[in-house]
């Protein structure tokens, strides 16, 4: 094997590892954001982030938006 072949395999491996790392970071992001913001449905946001990412990425931005939207929890009292 020549130096060019070894270098090409190194670059290919590096790109594959980067692709897996980016995929994992995108899958974790909505759940991490929801947990850090103490979202009432943080587990649901986490599951939605992974499921929508694995099943085609089209609805993944909705999971990310859901992580930032704070819905009122049922036990909160409103001031009247």
Protein backbone atom coordinates (compact mmCIF):
# COMPACT_ATOMS: atom_id res chain seq x y z
CA UNK A 1 0.00 0.00 0.00
CA UNK A 2 1.23 3.41 -0.86
CA UNK A 3 1.14 6.46 1.37
CA UNK A 4 -1.81 7.84 -0.60
CA UNK A 5 -3.85 4.68 0.07
CA UNK A 6 -3.14 4.80 3.80
CA UNK A 7 -3.96 8.51 3.91
CA UNK A 8 -7.22 7.91 2.04
CA UNK A 9 -8.25 5.19 4.51
CA UNK A 10 -7.38 7.47 7.41
CA UNK A 11 -9.52 10.29 6.00
CA UNK A 12 -12.40 7.89 5.27
CA UNK A 13 -12.29 6.53 8.83
CA UNK A 14 -12.08 10.03 10.28
CA UNK A 15 -15.12 11.16 8.28
CA UNK A 16 -17.12 8.09 9.34
CA UNK A 17 -16.32 8.74 13.02
CA UNK A 18 -17.28 12.40 12.61
CA UNK A 19 -20.59 11.42 10.98
CA UNK A 20 -21.45 9.07 13.86
CA UNK A 21 -20.50 11.73 16.43
CA UNK A 22 -22.66 14.37 14.73
CA UNK A 23 -25.59 11.93 14.53
CA UNK A 24 -25.25 11.16 18.24
CA UNK A 25 -24.98 14.85 19.15
CA UNK A 26 -28.13 15.65 17.17
CA UNK A 27 -29.99 12.80 18.85
CA UNK A 28 -29.01 13.89 22.35
CA UNK A 29 -29.54 17.65 21.85
CA UNK A 30 -33.34 17.98 22.35
CA UNK A 31 -33.35 15.81 25.47
CA UNK A 32 -30.34 17.58 26.96
CA UNK A 33 -31.88 21.00 26.35
CA UNK A 34 -35.22 19.91 27.83
CA UNK A 35 -33.58 18.46 30.95
CA UNK A 36 -31.41 21.52 31.48
CA UNK A 37 -34.49 23.77 31.18
CA UNK A 38 -36.44 21.47 33.56
CA UNK A 39 -39.10 20.77 30.95
CA UNK A 40 -42.08 18.87 32.41
CA UNK A 41 -41.91 16.30 29.59
CA UNK A 42 -38.14 16.03 29.23
CA UNK A 43 -38.26 12.26 28.70
CA UNK A 44 -40.78 12.65 25.90
CA UNK A 45 -38.63 15.28 24.23
CA UNK A 46 -35.61 12.97 24.51
CA UNK A 47 -37.46 10.05 22.93
CA UNK A 48 -38.92 12.29 20.22
CA UNK A 49 -35.44 13.59 19.38
CA UNK A 50 -34.05 10.09 18.80
CA UNK A 51 -37.11 8.64 17.06
CA UNK A 52 -37.53 11.51 14.63
CA UNK A 53 -33.79 11.57 13.89
CA UNK A 54 -33.67 7.84 13.18
CA UNK A 55 -36.91 7.83 11.16
CA UNK A 56 -35.94 10.44 8.65
CA UNK A 57 -34.95 13.71 10.33
CA UNK A 58 -37.97 15.58 8.92
CA UNK A 59 -39.70 16.12 12.28
CA UNK A 60 -36.50 16.48 14.34
CA UNK A 61 -36.73 20.30 14.35
CA UNK A 62 -40.14 19.97 16.04
CA UNK A 63 -38.52 17.97 18.85
CA UNK A 64 -35.91 20.71 19.18
CA UNK A 65 -38.60 23.40 19.32
CA UNK A 66 -40.53 21.33 21.88
CA UNK A 67 -37.40 21.29 24.06
CA UNK A 68 -37.53 25.09 24.26
CA UNK A 69 -41.28 25.44 24.76
CA UNK A 70 -42.28 25.33 28.40
CA UNK A 71 -45.78 23.98 28.79
CA UNK A 72 -47.32 24.56 32.20
CA UNK A 73 -47.30 21.49 34.38
CA UNK A 74 -50.67 20.40 35.80
CA UNK A 75 -49.79 21.19 39.43
CA UNK A 76 -48.80 24.82 38.89
CA UNK A 77 -51.13 27.36 40.40
CA UNK A 78 -51.96 30.52 38.54
CA UNK A 79 -52.28 33.86 40.25
CA UNK A 80 -55.79 35.21 40.11
